Amino acid sequence: MYRLYWAEGTASFAPQAVLEEAGLAYELVRIDTTKGEHGKPDYLAINPAGRVPALMLPDGAILTESAAISLYLAERHGLEEIAPAVMDPDRGTFLRWLFYLAVTLQEAYKPFYYPERWSDDPGDRPRIRARATERIIECWQPVEAHLAANGPYHLGDRFSLADIFVLMNSTWHVTPEQLVERFPAVGRCIALASKRPVIARCLTQQKRVSVGRL
């Protein structure tokens, strides 16, 4: 059985969604980031980076990083419908957007939630958050353009792990209703992905993200 170290409002959502999509048995271990459990010795022994999620494999090995865990699970269990195989014509497009969403877009939210990491001066925080907000919108623009031209999903009519990541990223937006109003193709992708039964089950475990939870 897999063991997923998980916290609300974090990138734990994607690996959990893949576990659900695959119908795999797993144990969910909640890490309360509001109490700093991700920085305590017990959890640091699992993931020295102090980040959630982490996945313990049946053999006891540990995987970290949301995209790595998600892609590993999809490929390990033959979920080619959501993770195109190496020779699949959609493979390149899939990888392009998966890593853009997991690296460029996801990381754009960090200065908004953790402005203290960019300056020791509390007076700088409003400016850091304001610039982060601008940067977040900039990062969503290529996603909107791609989905508008090729959607409703990143691979056209084919749902994939990339769409799980676009949905996950949207949950970190402080005003999600404004996000989908500004980017209607993104909104359509999110709405369709949210209707999948296993995705809906994962969403019910998520709480609205407050500042400092990402």
N, C-alpha and C. Protein backbone atom coordinates (compact mmCIF):
# COMPACT_ATOMS: atom_id res chain seq x y z
N MET A 1 0.84 -1.20 0.00
CA MET A 1 0.00 0.00 0.00
C MET A 1 0.88 1.25 0.00
N TYR A 2 0.46 2.25 -0.75
CA TYR A 2 1.15 3.53 -0.75
C TYR A 2 0.75 4.33 0.50
N ARG A 3 1.63 5.23 0.90
CA ARG A 3 1.32 6.14 1.99
C ARG A 3 1.62 7.55 1.50
N LEU A 4 0.56 8.37 1.43
CA LEU A 4 0.70 9.74 0.93
C LEU A 4 0.66 10.72 2.09
N TYR A 5 1.74 11.45 2.26
CA TYR A 5 1.81 12.51 3.26
C TYR A 5 1.22 13.76 2.62
N TRP A 6 0.15 14.26 3.21
CA TRP A 6 -0.79 15.16 2.54
C TRP A 6 -1.15 16.32 3.44
N ALA A 7 -1.47 17.46 2.83
CA ALA A 7 -1.98 18.60 3.59
C ALA A 7 -2.94 19.37 2.70
N GLU A 8 -4.00 19.92 3.30
CA GLU A 8 -4.94 20.72 2.55
C GLU A 8 -4.25 21.93 1.93
N GLY A 9 -4.69 22.28 0.72
CA GLY A 9 -4.18 23.49 0.09
C GLY A 9 -2.76 23.40 -0.40
N THR A 10 -2.23 22.20 -0.55
CA THR A 10 -0.87 22.03 -1.04
C THR A 10 -0.88 21.22 -2.33
N ALA A 11 0.31 20.98 -2.87
CA ALA A 11 0.43 20.21 -4.11
C ALA A 11 0.20 18.71 -3.88
N SER A 12 -0.28 18.35 -2.70
CA SER A 12 -0.68 16.96 -2.43
C SER A 12 -1.86 16.54 -3.29
N PHE A 13 -2.63 17.52 -3.74
CA PHE A 13 -3.86 17.23 -4.48
C PHE A 13 -3.60 16.36 -5.71
N ALA A 14 -2.58 16.69 -6.49
CA ALA A 14 -2.35 15.96 -7.75
C ALA A 14 -2.01 14.48 -7.52
N PRO A 15 -1.05 14.15 -6.65
CA PRO A 15 -0.78 12.73 -6.41
C PRO A 15 -1.99 11.98 -5.88
N GLN A 16 -2.77 12.61 -5.00
CA GLN A 16 -3.96 11.94 -4.50
C GLN A 16 -4.94 11.68 -5.64
N ALA A 17 -5.09 12.63 -6.54
CA ALA A 17 -5.99 12.45 -7.68
C ALA A 17 -5.55 11.29 -8.55
N VAL A 18 -4.24 11.15 -8.75
CA VAL A 18 -3.74 10.03 -9.56
C VAL A 18 -3.97 8.70 -8.85
N LEU A 19 -3.73 8.66 -7.55
CA LEU A 19 -4.01 7.44 -6.79
C LEU A 19 -5.48 7.05 -6.92
N GLU A 20 -6.35 8.04 -6.88
CA GLU A 20 -7.78 7.78 -7.02
C GLU A 20 -8.11 7.34 -8.45
N GLU A 21 -7.53 8.02 -9.43
CA GLU A 21 -7.77 7.65 -10.83
C GLU A 21 -7.37 6.20 -11.08
N ALA A 22 -6.27 5.78 -10.46
CA ALA A 22 -5.76 4.42 -10.67
C ALA A 22 -6.48 3.39 -9.81
N GLY A 23 -7.28 3.85 -8.85
CA GLY A 23 -7.96 2.92 -7.95
C GLY A 23 -7.01 2.18 -7.05
N LEU A 24 -5.91 2.83 -6.67
CA LEU A 24 -4.88 2.19 -5.86
C LEU A 24 -5.19 2.32 -4.37
N ALA A 25 -4.82 1.32 -3.61
CA ALA A 25 -4.96 1.39 -2.16
C ALA A 25 -3.87 2.30 -1.61
N TYR A 26 -4.27 3.22 -0.74
CA TYR A 26 -3.28 4.11 -0.13
C TYR A 26 -3.77 4.60 1.21
N GLU A 27 -2.80 4.95 2.04
CA GLU A 27 -3.09 5.55 3.34
C GLU A 27 -2.78 7.03 3.25
N LEU A 28 -3.69 7.87 3.72
CA LEU A 28 -3.49 9.30 3.71
C LEU A 28 -3.02 9.74 5.10
N VAL A 29 -1.85 10.33 5.16
CA VAL A 29 -1.29 10.80 6.43
C VAL A 29 -1.30 12.32 6.40
N ARG A 30 -2.13 12.92 7.21
CA ARG A 30 -2.27 14.38 7.20
C ARG A 30 -1.11 15.03 7.93
N ILE A 31 -0.50 16.00 7.27
CA ILE A 31 0.55 16.82 7.87
C ILE A 31 -0.04 18.21 8.07
N ASP A 32 -0.16 18.63 9.31
CA ASP A 32 -0.78 19.92 9.60
C ASP A 32 0.26 21.02 9.45
N THR A 33 0.26 21.67 8.29
CA THR A 33 1.25 22.72 8.04
C THR A 33 0.98 23.95 8.89
N THR A 34 -0.27 24.14 9.32
CA THR A 34 -0.56 25.30 10.17
C THR A 34 0.10 25.18 11.53
N LYS A 35 0.45 23.96 11.93
CA LYS A 35 1.15 23.72 13.19
C LYS A 35 2.64 23.45 12.98
N GLY A 36 3.07 23.62 11.73
CA GLY A 36 4.49 23.44 11.44
C GLY A 36 4.96 22.00 11.43
N GLU A 37 4.04 21.06 11.26
CA GLU A 37 4.44 19.65 11.30
C GLU A 37 5.38 19.28 10.16
N HIS A 38 5.33 20.03 9.07
CA HIS A 38 6.22 19.73 7.93
C HIS A 38 7.67 20.10 8.24
N GLY A 39 7.89 20.84 9.32
CA GLY A 39 9.25 21.21 9.69
C GLY A 39 9.78 20.48 10.91
N LYS A 40 9.01 19.52 11.39
CA LYS A 40 9.43 18.78 12.58
C LYS A 40 10.29 17.57 12.20
N PRO A 41 11.13 17.11 13.13
CA PRO A 41 12.09 16.04 12.80
C PRO A 41 11.47 14.79 12.19
N ASP A 42 10.30 14.39 12.68
CA ASP A 42 9.69 13.16 12.15
C ASP A 42 9.41 13.28 10.65
N TYR A 43 8.88 14.45 10.26
CA TYR A 43 8.59 14.60 8.83
C TYR A 43 9.85 14.91 8.03
N LEU A 44 10.78 15.65 8.60
CA LEU A 44 12.03 15.94 7.89
C LEU A 44 12.83 14.66 7.62
N ALA A 45 12.62 13.65 8.43
CA ALA A 45 13.26 12.35 8.17
C ALA A 45 12.67 11.71 6.92
N ILE A 46 11.45 12.07 6.58
CA ILE A 46 10.81 11.56 5.37
C ILE A 46 11.16 12.44 4.18
N ASN A 47 11.02 13.75 4.34
CA ASN A 47 11.37 14.69 3.27
C ASN A 47 12.20 15.81 3.87
N PRO A 48 13.51 15.75 3.74
CA PRO A 48 14.39 16.76 4.34
C PRO A 48 14.11 18.18 3.84
N ALA A 49 13.45 18.30 2.69
CA ALA A 49 13.12 19.63 2.19
C ALA A 49 11.97 20.26 2.97
N GLY A 50 11.28 19.45 3.77
CA GLY A 50 10.19 19.98 4.57
C GLY A 50 9.00 20.43 3.76
N ARG A 51 8.78 19.77 2.63
CA ARG A 51 7.66 20.14 1.77
C ARG A 51 6.69 18.97 1.67
N VAL A 52 5.44 19.32 1.46
CA VAL A 52 4.38 18.33 1.27
C VAL A 52 3.92 18.46 -0.18
N PRO A 53 3.75 17.33 -0.89
CA PRO A 53 3.60 15.96 -0.41
C PRO A 53 4.89 15.16 -0.42
N ALA A 54 4.77 13.96 0.14
CA ALA A 54 5.77 12.91 -0.01
C ALA A 54 4.99 11.61 -0.14
N LEU A 55 5.58 10.67 -0.86
CA LEU A 55 4.91 9.38 -1.06
C LEU A 55 5.85 8.27 -0.64
N MET A 56 5.37 7.41 0.28
CA MET A 56 6.13 6.21 0.62
C MET A 56 5.63 5.08 -0.26
N LEU A 57 6.56 4.45 -0.98
CA LEU A 57 6.21 3.34 -1.85
C LEU A 57 6.03 2.07 -1.02
N PRO A 58 5.40 1.05 -1.60
CA PRO A 58 5.21 -0.20 -0.85
C PRO A 58 6.50 -0.80 -0.32
N ASP A 59 7.64 -0.52 -0.99
CA ASP A 59 8.91 -1.08 -0.53
C ASP A 59 9.61 -0.18 0.49
N GLY A 60 8.95 0.93 0.86
CA GLY A 60 9.52 1.83 1.86
C GLY A 60 10.30 2.99 1.30
N ALA A 61 10.57 2.99 -0.01
CA ALA A 61 11.27 4.12 -0.63
C ALA A 61 10.37 5.35 -0.61
N ILE A 62 11.00 6.54 -0.66
CA ILE A 62 10.27 7.79 -0.60
C ILE A 62 10.43 8.57 -1.90
N LEU A 63 9.32 9.08 -2.39
CA LEU A 63 9.34 10.01 -3.51
C LEU A 63 8.83 11.36 -3.02
N THR A 64 9.40 12.44 -3.55
CA THR A 64 8.91 13.78 -3.25
C THR A 64 8.72 14.53 -4.56
N GLU A 65 8.16 15.71 -4.46
CA GLU A 65 7.81 16.58 -5.58
C GLU A 65 6.55 16.09 -6.27
N SER A 66 5.54 16.94 -6.25
CA SER A 66 4.21 16.57 -6.72
C SER A 66 4.19 16.04 -8.15
N ALA A 67 4.86 16.72 -9.07
CA ALA A 67 4.84 16.27 -10.47
C ALA A 67 5.56 14.94 -10.62
N ALA A 68 6.67 14.76 -9.92
CA ALA A 68 7.42 13.51 -10.01
C ALA A 68 6.59 12.35 -9.46
N ILE A 69 5.95 12.57 -8.33
CA ILE A 69 5.11 11.52 -7.74
C ILE A 69 3.97 11.17 -8.69
N SER A 70 3.30 12.19 -9.20
CA SER A 70 2.13 11.98 -10.06
C SER A 70 2.51 11.24 -11.34
N LEU A 71 3.60 11.66 -11.97
CA LEU A 71 4.01 11.02 -13.21
C LEU A 71 4.49 9.59 -12.94
N TYR A 72 5.21 9.39 -11.85
CA TYR A 72 5.65 8.04 -11.48
C TYR A 72 4.46 7.11 -11.33
N LEU A 73 3.46 7.53 -10.57
CA LEU A 73 2.30 6.68 -10.34
C LEU A 73 1.56 6.37 -11.64
N ALA A 74 1.39 7.39 -12.46
CA ALA A 74 0.67 7.19 -13.73
C ALA A 74 1.41 6.20 -14.62
N GLU A 75 2.73 6.34 -14.70
CA GLU A 75 3.48 5.45 -15.58
C GLU A 75 3.68 4.07 -14.95
N ARG A 76 3.88 4.03 -13.64
CA ARG A 76 4.08 2.74 -12.97
C ARG A 76 2.85 1.86 -13.11
N HIS A 77 1.68 2.48 -13.15
CA HIS A 77 0.44 1.70 -13.18
C HIS A 77 -0.28 1.79 -14.53
N GLY A 78 0.46 2.19 -15.55
CA GLY A 78 -0.06 2.12 -16.91
C GLY A 78 -1.25 3.01 -17.20
N LEU A 79 -1.29 4.18 -16.58
CA LEU A 79 -2.41 5.10 -16.83
C LEU A 79 -2.12 5.94 -18.07
N GLU A 80 -2.01 5.28 -19.22
CA GLU A 80 -1.65 5.97 -20.45
C GLU A 80 -2.75 6.91 -20.91
N GLU A 81 -3.96 6.74 -20.40
CA GLU A 81 -5.03 7.65 -20.78
C GLU A 81 -4.81 9.05 -20.20
N ILE A 82 -4.10 9.16 -19.07
CA ILE A 82 -3.83 10.48 -18.50
C ILE A 82 -2.35 10.87 -18.57
N ALA A 83 -1.49 9.93 -18.93
CA ALA A 83 -0.06 10.22 -19.09
C ALA A 83 0.42 9.51 -20.35
N PRO A 84 0.36 10.18 -21.50
CA PRO A 84 0.72 9.54 -22.76
C PRO A 84 2.08 8.86 -22.71
N ALA A 85 2.14 7.66 -23.27
CA ALA A 85 3.38 6.88 -23.29
C ALA A 85 4.43 7.55 -24.17
N VAL A 86 5.65 7.06 -24.08
CA VAL A 86 6.79 7.68 -24.76
C VAL A 86 6.57 7.85 -26.26
N MET A 87 5.99 6.87 -26.91
CA MET A 87 5.80 6.93 -28.35
C MET A 87 4.46 7.54 -28.76
N ASP A 88 3.68 7.96 -27.81
CA ASP A 88 2.39 8.59 -28.11
C ASP A 88 2.62 9.96 -28.73
N PRO A 89 1.92 10.30 -29.81
CA PRO A 89 2.10 11.63 -30.43
C PRO A 89 1.82 12.80 -29.49
N ASP A 90 1.01 12.56 -28.46
CA ASP A 90 0.70 13.63 -27.51
C ASP A 90 1.74 13.79 -26.41
N ARG A 91 2.74 12.93 -26.39
CA ARG A 91 3.70 12.92 -25.27
C ARG A 91 4.41 14.26 -25.10
N GLY A 92 4.91 14.83 -26.18
CA GLY A 92 5.65 16.08 -26.08
C GLY A 92 4.81 17.22 -25.54
N THR A 93 3.60 17.37 -26.07
CA THR A 93 2.70 18.43 -25.60
C THR A 93 2.34 18.21 -24.14
N PHE A 94 2.11 16.96 -23.79
CA PHE A 94 1.79 16.62 -22.41
C PHE A 94 2.90 17.05 -21.46
N LEU A 95 4.13 16.67 -21.76
CA LEU A 95 5.25 17.01 -20.88
C LEU A 95 5.47 18.52 -20.82
N ARG A 96 5.34 19.17 -21.95
CA ARG A 96 5.52 20.63 -21.98
C ARG A 96 4.60 21.30 -20.97
N TRP A 97 3.32 20.97 -21.01
CA TRP A 97 2.37 21.66 -20.13
C TRP A 97 2.40 21.15 -18.71
N LEU A 98 2.67 19.88 -18.52
CA LEU A 98 2.78 19.37 -17.16
C LEU A 98 3.87 20.11 -16.40
N PHE A 99 5.04 20.24 -17.01
CA PHE A 99 6.15 20.88 -16.30
C PHE A 99 6.00 22.40 -16.25
N TYR A 100 5.37 23.00 -17.22
CA TYR A 100 5.08 24.43 -17.14
C TYR A 100 4.18 24.71 -15.94
N LEU A 101 3.12 23.91 -15.82
CA LEU A 101 2.17 24.10 -14.72
C LEU A 101 2.79 23.79 -13.36
N ALA A 102 3.65 22.78 -13.32
CA ALA A 102 4.24 22.35 -12.05
C ALA A 102 5.41 23.20 -11.61
N VAL A 103 6.06 23.84 -12.55
CA VAL A 103 7.26 24.61 -12.22
C VAL A 103 7.01 26.11 -12.37
N THR A 104 6.72 26.56 -13.58
CA THR A 104 6.58 28.00 -13.81
C THR A 104 5.36 28.59 -13.12
N LEU A 105 4.17 28.02 -13.40
CA LEU A 105 2.95 28.59 -12.82
C LEU A 105 2.87 28.35 -11.32
N GLN A 106 3.11 27.14 -10.89
CA GLN A 106 3.02 26.83 -9.46
C GLN A 106 3.96 27.71 -8.64
N GLU A 107 5.17 27.88 -9.11
CA GLU A 107 6.14 28.67 -8.35
C GLU A 107 5.81 30.15 -8.35
N ALA A 108 5.02 30.61 -9.32
CA ALA A 108 4.66 32.03 -9.36
C ALA A 108 3.81 32.43 -8.17
N TYR A 109 3.14 31.46 -7.56
CA TYR A 109 2.30 31.76 -6.40
C TYR A 109 3.11 31.93 -5.12
N LYS A 110 4.33 31.44 -5.09
CA LYS A 110 5.10 31.43 -3.85
C LYS A 110 5.36 32.83 -3.27
N PRO A 111 5.79 33.82 -4.09
CA PRO A 111 6.02 35.14 -3.48
C PRO A 111 4.76 35.76 -2.90
N PHE A 112 3.60 35.42 -3.44
CA PHE A 112 2.36 35.96 -2.89
C PHE A 112 2.11 35.40 -1.49
N TYR A 113 2.30 34.10 -1.34
CA TYR A 113 2.01 33.46 -0.05
C TYR A 113 3.15 33.59 0.95
N TYR A 114 4.37 33.72 0.44
CA TYR A 114 5.53 33.79 1.34
C TYR A 114 6.41 35.00 0.99
N PRO A 115 5.90 36.21 1.07
CA PRO A 115 6.71 37.37 0.70
C PRO A 115 7.95 37.55 1.58
N GLU A 116 7.88 37.00 2.80
CA GLU A 116 9.03 37.12 3.71
C GLU A 116 10.26 36.39 3.19
N ARG A 117 10.07 35.47 2.26
CA ARG A 117 11.22 34.77 1.69
C ARG A 117 11.98 35.64 0.69
N TRP A 118 11.36 36.73 0.25
CA TRP A 118 11.97 37.60 -0.74
C TRP A 118 12.50 38.90 -0.12
N SER A 119 12.14 39.18 1.12
CA SER A 119 12.64 40.37 1.79
C SER A 119 12.44 40.24 3.29
N ASP A 120 13.42 40.69 4.05
CA ASP A 120 13.30 40.70 5.51
C ASP A 120 12.50 41.89 6.02
N ASP A 121 12.26 42.85 5.15
CA ASP A 121 11.57 44.07 5.54
C ASP A 121 10.05 43.89 5.37
N PRO A 122 9.29 43.88 6.47
CA PRO A 122 7.84 43.72 6.37
C PRO A 122 7.19 44.76 5.47
N GLY A 123 7.80 45.93 5.36
CA GLY A 123 7.25 46.98 4.51
C GLY A 123 7.27 46.64 3.04
N ASP A 124 8.09 45.66 2.66
CA ASP A 124 8.18 45.26 1.25
C ASP A 124 7.07 44.29 0.85
N ARG A 125 6.40 43.72 1.82
CA ARG A 125 5.48 42.62 1.51
C ARG A 125 4.32 43.01 0.60
N PRO A 126 3.69 44.17 0.80
CA PRO A 126 2.62 44.53 -0.13
C PRO A 126 3.10 44.64 -1.58
N ARG A 127 4.30 45.19 -1.77
CA ARG A 127 4.84 45.32 -3.13
C ARG A 127 5.17 43.95 -3.72
N ILE A 128 5.71 43.06 -2.89
CA ILE A 128 6.03 41.71 -3.37
C ILE A 128 4.76 40.98 -3.79
N ARG A 129 3.73 41.10 -2.97
CA ARG A 129 2.46 40.44 -3.30
C ARG A 129 1.84 41.05 -4.56
N ALA A 130 1.95 42.35 -4.70
CA ALA A 130 1.38 43.00 -5.88
C ALA A 130 2.09 42.53 -7.14
N ARG A 131 3.41 42.45 -7.08
CA ARG A 131 4.15 41.98 -8.26
C ARG A 131 3.89 40.51 -8.50
N ALA A 132 3.75 39.72 -7.45
CA ALA A 132 3.44 38.31 -7.61
C ALA A 132 2.09 38.13 -8.30
N THR A 133 1.13 38.96 -7.94
CA THR A 133 -0.19 38.88 -8.56
C THR A 133 -0.09 39.15 -10.06
N GLU A 134 0.71 40.14 -10.44
CA GLU A 134 0.92 40.42 -11.85
C GLU A 134 1.59 39.24 -12.55
N ARG A 135 2.58 38.68 -11.89
CA ARG A 135 3.32 37.55 -12.47
C ARG A 135 2.42 36.33 -12.64
N ILE A 136 1.55 36.08 -11.67
CA ILE A 136 0.63 34.95 -11.76
C ILE A 136 -0.25 35.09 -13.00
N ILE A 137 -0.79 36.28 -13.23
CA ILE A 137 -1.63 36.50 -14.41
C ILE A 137 -0.81 36.30 -15.68
N GLU A 138 0.42 36.78 -15.69
CA GLU A 138 1.29 36.58 -16.85
C GLU A 138 1.47 35.09 -17.15
N CYS A 139 1.62 34.30 -16.09
CA CYS A 139 1.87 32.86 -16.26
C CYS A 139 0.62 32.11 -16.71
N TRP A 140 -0.55 32.61 -16.36
CA TRP A 140 -1.79 31.97 -16.81
C TRP A 140 -2.08 32.26 -18.29
N GLN A 141 -1.56 33.35 -18.81
CA GLN A 141 -1.90 33.75 -20.18
C GLN A 141 -1.54 32.70 -21.23
N PRO A 142 -0.35 32.09 -21.22
CA PRO A 142 -0.07 31.04 -22.21
C PRO A 142 -0.97 29.82 -22.07
N VAL A 143 -1.38 29.52 -20.83
CA VAL A 143 -2.29 28.39 -20.61
C VAL A 143 -3.63 28.68 -21.26
N GLU A 144 -4.13 29.90 -21.05
CA GLU A 144 -5.40 30.30 -21.67
C GLU A 144 -5.32 30.24 -23.19
N ALA A 145 -4.22 30.76 -23.75
CA ALA A 145 -4.08 30.77 -25.20
C ALA A 145 -4.07 29.35 -25.77
N HIS A 146 -3.36 28.45 -25.10
CA HIS A 146 -3.30 27.06 -25.57
C HIS A 146 -4.66 26.38 -25.46
N LEU A 147 -5.33 26.54 -24.34
CA LEU A 147 -6.62 25.89 -24.16
C LEU A 147 -7.68 26.48 -25.09
N ALA A 148 -7.62 27.78 -25.33
CA ALA A 148 -8.58 28.41 -26.23
C ALA A 148 -8.43 27.89 -27.65
N ALA A 149 -7.19 27.62 -28.04
CA ALA A 149 -6.93 27.16 -29.41
C ALA A 149 -7.03 25.65 -29.56
N ASN A 150 -6.81 24.90 -28.49
CA ASN A 150 -6.68 23.44 -28.60
C ASN A 150 -7.55 22.65 -27.64
N GLY A 151 -8.31 23.32 -26.80
CA GLY A 151 -9.03 22.66 -25.71
C GLY A 151 -10.17 21.77 -26.15
N PRO A 152 -10.97 21.35 -25.17
CA PRO A 152 -11.07 21.96 -23.84
C PRO A 152 -9.98 21.57 -22.86
N TYR A 153 -9.28 20.44 -23.13
CA TYR A 153 -8.18 20.03 -22.27
C TYR A 153 -6.85 20.38 -22.94
N HIS A 154 -5.76 20.16 -22.23
CA HIS A 154 -4.45 20.45 -22.81
C HIS A 154 -4.15 19.59 -24.04
N LEU A 155 -4.74 18.41 -24.08
CA LEU A 155 -4.56 17.51 -25.22
C LEU A 155 -5.84 17.41 -26.03
N GLY A 156 -6.54 18.51 -26.17
CA GLY A 156 -7.77 18.52 -26.95
C GLY A 156 -8.92 17.93 -26.16
N ASP A 157 -9.51 16.86 -26.70
CA ASP A 157 -10.61 16.19 -26.00
C ASP A 157 -10.13 15.17 -24.99
N ARG A 158 -8.82 15.03 -24.84
CA ARG A 158 -8.22 14.00 -23.99
C ARG A 158 -7.81 14.58 -22.64
N PHE A 159 -8.47 14.15 -21.59
CA PHE A 159 -8.11 14.56 -20.24
C PHE A 159 -6.75 13.95 -19.88
N SER A 160 -5.93 14.72 -19.15
CA SER A 160 -4.61 14.21 -18.78
C SER A 160 -4.19 14.78 -17.43
N LEU A 161 -3.07 14.31 -16.97
CA LEU A 161 -2.49 14.79 -15.72
C LEU A 161 -2.25 16.29 -15.75
N ALA A 162 -1.98 16.84 -16.93
CA ALA A 162 -1.79 18.30 -17.03
C ALA A 162 -3.03 19.05 -16.58
N ASP A 163 -4.21 18.50 -16.85
CA ASP A 163 -5.45 19.16 -16.45
C ASP A 163 -5.67 19.07 -14.95
N ILE A 164 -5.17 18.02 -14.33
CA ILE A 164 -5.20 17.94 -12.87
C ILE A 164 -4.36 19.07 -12.28
N PHE A 165 -3.23 19.34 -12.91
CA PHE A 165 -2.35 20.40 -12.41
C PHE A 165 -2.94 21.79 -12.64
N VAL A 166 -3.65 21.99 -13.75
CA VAL A 166 -4.26 23.31 -13.95
C VAL A 166 -5.36 23.52 -12.92
N LEU A 167 -6.11 22.48 -12.59
CA LEU A 167 -7.13 22.59 -11.55
C LEU A 167 -6.48 22.87 -10.20
N MET A 168 -5.43 22.15 -9.87
CA MET A 168 -4.76 22.35 -8.59
C MET A 168 -4.24 23.78 -8.47
N ASN A 169 -3.61 24.28 -9.52
CA ASN A 169 -3.10 25.66 -9.48
C ASN A 169 -4.23 26.66 -9.26
N SER A 170 -5.37 26.40 -9.85
CA SER A 170 -6.49 27.34 -9.73
C SER A 170 -6.98 27.44 -8.29
N THR A 171 -6.81 26.39 -7.50
CA THR A 171 -7.28 26.43 -6.11
C THR A 171 -6.45 27.37 -5.25
N TRP A 172 -5.28 27.76 -5.74
CA TRP A 172 -4.43 28.69 -4.99
C TRP A 172 -4.71 30.14 -5.32
N HIS A 173 -5.57 30.37 -6.30
CA HIS A 173 -5.88 31.74 -6.68
C HIS A 173 -6.79 32.34 -5.61
N VAL A 174 -6.43 33.51 -5.13
CA VAL A 174 -7.19 34.13 -4.04
C VAL A 174 -8.63 34.41 -4.47
N THR A 175 -8.82 34.77 -5.73
CA THR A 175 -10.17 35.04 -6.25
C THR A 175 -10.41 34.15 -7.48
N PRO A 176 -10.70 32.86 -7.27
CA PRO A 176 -10.86 31.94 -8.39
C PRO A 176 -11.95 32.35 -9.37
N GLU A 177 -12.99 33.02 -8.87
CA GLU A 177 -14.05 33.47 -9.76
C GLU A 177 -13.53 34.51 -10.76
N GLN A 178 -12.60 35.35 -10.33
CA GLN A 178 -12.00 36.33 -11.23
C GLN A 178 -11.05 35.65 -12.22
N LEU A 179 -10.40 34.59 -11.76
CA LEU A 179 -9.51 33.84 -12.66
C LEU A 179 -10.28 33.28 -13.84
N VAL A 180 -11.39 32.60 -13.58
CA VAL A 180 -12.14 31.96 -14.67
C VAL A 180 -12.89 32.99 -15.49
N GLU A 181 -13.21 34.14 -14.90
CA GLU A 181 -13.84 35.21 -15.68
C GLU A 181 -12.84 35.80 -16.67
N ARG A 182 -11.61 35.94 -16.22
CA ARG A 182 -10.58 36.51 -17.09
C ARG A 182 -10.09 35.51 -18.13
N PHE A 183 -10.07 34.23 -17.73
CA PHE A 183 -9.55 33.18 -18.61
C PHE A 183 -10.63 32.11 -18.81
N PRO A 184 -11.56 32.34 -19.73
CA PRO A 184 -12.69 31.40 -19.89
C PRO A 184 -12.30 30.00 -20.33
N ALA A 185 -11.26 29.86 -21.14
CA ALA A 185 -10.84 28.52 -21.56
C ALA A 185 -10.26 27.75 -20.38
N VAL A 186 -9.53 28.44 -19.52
CA VAL A 186 -9.05 27.82 -18.28
C VAL A 186 -10.24 27.41 -17.42
N GLY A 187 -11.24 28.29 -17.34
CA GLY A 187 -12.43 27.98 -16.56
C GLY A 187 -13.15 26.75 -17.06
N ARG A 188 -13.22 26.60 -18.38
CA ARG A 188 -13.89 25.42 -18.95
C ARG A 188 -13.13 24.15 -18.61
N CYS A 189 -11.81 24.20 -18.71
CA CYS A 189 -10.98 23.05 -18.38
C CYS A 189 -11.17 22.67 -16.91
N ILE A 190 -11.16 23.66 -16.04
CA ILE A 190 -11.33 23.42 -14.61
C ILE A 190 -12.70 22.79 -14.33
N ALA A 191 -13.72 23.34 -14.96
CA ALA A 191 -15.08 22.84 -14.73
C ALA A 191 -15.23 21.39 -15.17
N LEU A 192 -14.68 21.06 -16.33
CA LEU A 192 -14.77 19.69 -16.83
C LEU A 192 -13.98 18.73 -15.94
N ALA A 193 -12.78 19.14 -15.55
CA ALA A 193 -11.96 18.27 -14.70
C ALA A 193 -12.64 18.04 -13.35
N SER A 194 -13.28 19.08 -12.83
CA SER A 194 -13.92 18.99 -11.51
C SER A 194 -15.09 18.02 -11.49
N LYS A 195 -15.68 17.76 -12.66
CA LYS A 195 -16.83 16.87 -12.74
C LYS A 195 -16.46 15.40 -12.71
N ARG A 196 -15.18 15.09 -12.90
CA ARG A 196 -14.78 13.70 -12.83
C ARG A 196 -14.96 13.20 -11.40
N PRO A 197 -15.63 12.07 -11.21
CA PRO A 197 -15.96 11.63 -9.85
C PRO A 197 -14.77 11.55 -8.90
N VAL A 198 -13.64 11.00 -9.38
CA VAL A 198 -12.50 10.87 -8.46
C VAL A 198 -11.89 12.23 -8.14
N ILE A 199 -11.92 13.14 -9.10
CA ILE A 199 -11.41 14.48 -8.84
C ILE A 199 -12.31 15.19 -7.85
N ALA A 200 -13.61 15.02 -8.02
CA ALA A 200 -14.56 15.64 -7.09
C ALA A 200 -14.34 15.15 -5.67
N ARG A 201 -14.03 13.86 -5.52
CA ARG A 201 -13.78 13.34 -4.17
C ARG A 201 -12.57 13.99 -3.54
N CYS A 202 -11.55 14.20 -4.34
CA CYS A 202 -10.35 14.86 -3.80
C CYS A 202 -10.63 16.31 -3.44
N LEU A 203 -11.43 16.97 -4.26
CA LEU A 203 -11.74 18.37 -3.99
C LEU A 203 -12.50 18.55 -2.69
N THR A 204 -13.32 17.57 -2.33
CA THR A 204 -14.08 17.70 -1.09
C THR A 204 -13.18 17.73 0.14
N GLN A 205 -11.96 17.23 -0.01
CA GLN A 205 -11.02 17.23 1.12
C GLN A 205 -10.19 18.50 1.20
N GLN A 206 -10.32 19.33 0.15
CA GLN A 206 -9.56 20.57 0.13
C GLN A 206 -10.33 21.67 0.82
N LYS A 207 -9.59 22.56 1.45
CA LYS A 207 -10.20 23.73 2.07
C LYS A 207 -9.68 24.96 1.35
N ARG A 208 -10.41 26.04 1.45
CA ARG A 208 -9.97 27.28 0.83
C ARG A 208 -8.61 27.67 1.41
N VAL A 209 -7.69 27.98 0.51
CA VAL A 209 -6.32 28.26 0.94
C VAL A 209 -6.24 29.66 1.52
N SER A 210 -5.72 29.77 2.72
CA SER A 210 -5.48 31.08 3.31
C SER A 210 -4.03 31.46 3.10
N VAL A 211 -3.74 32.74 3.26
CA VAL A 211 -2.38 33.20 3.04
C VAL A 211 -1.42 32.45 3.94
N GLY A 212 -0.37 31.92 3.34
CA GLY A 212 0.62 31.18 4.11
C GLY A 212 0.40 29.69 4.13
N ARG A 213 -0.59 29.18 3.39
CA ARG A 213 -0.84 27.75 3.41
C ARG A 213 -0.20 27.01 2.26
N LEU A 214 0.11 27.69 1.14
CA LEU A 214 0.61 27.00 -0.05
C LEU A 214 1.92 26.28 0.24
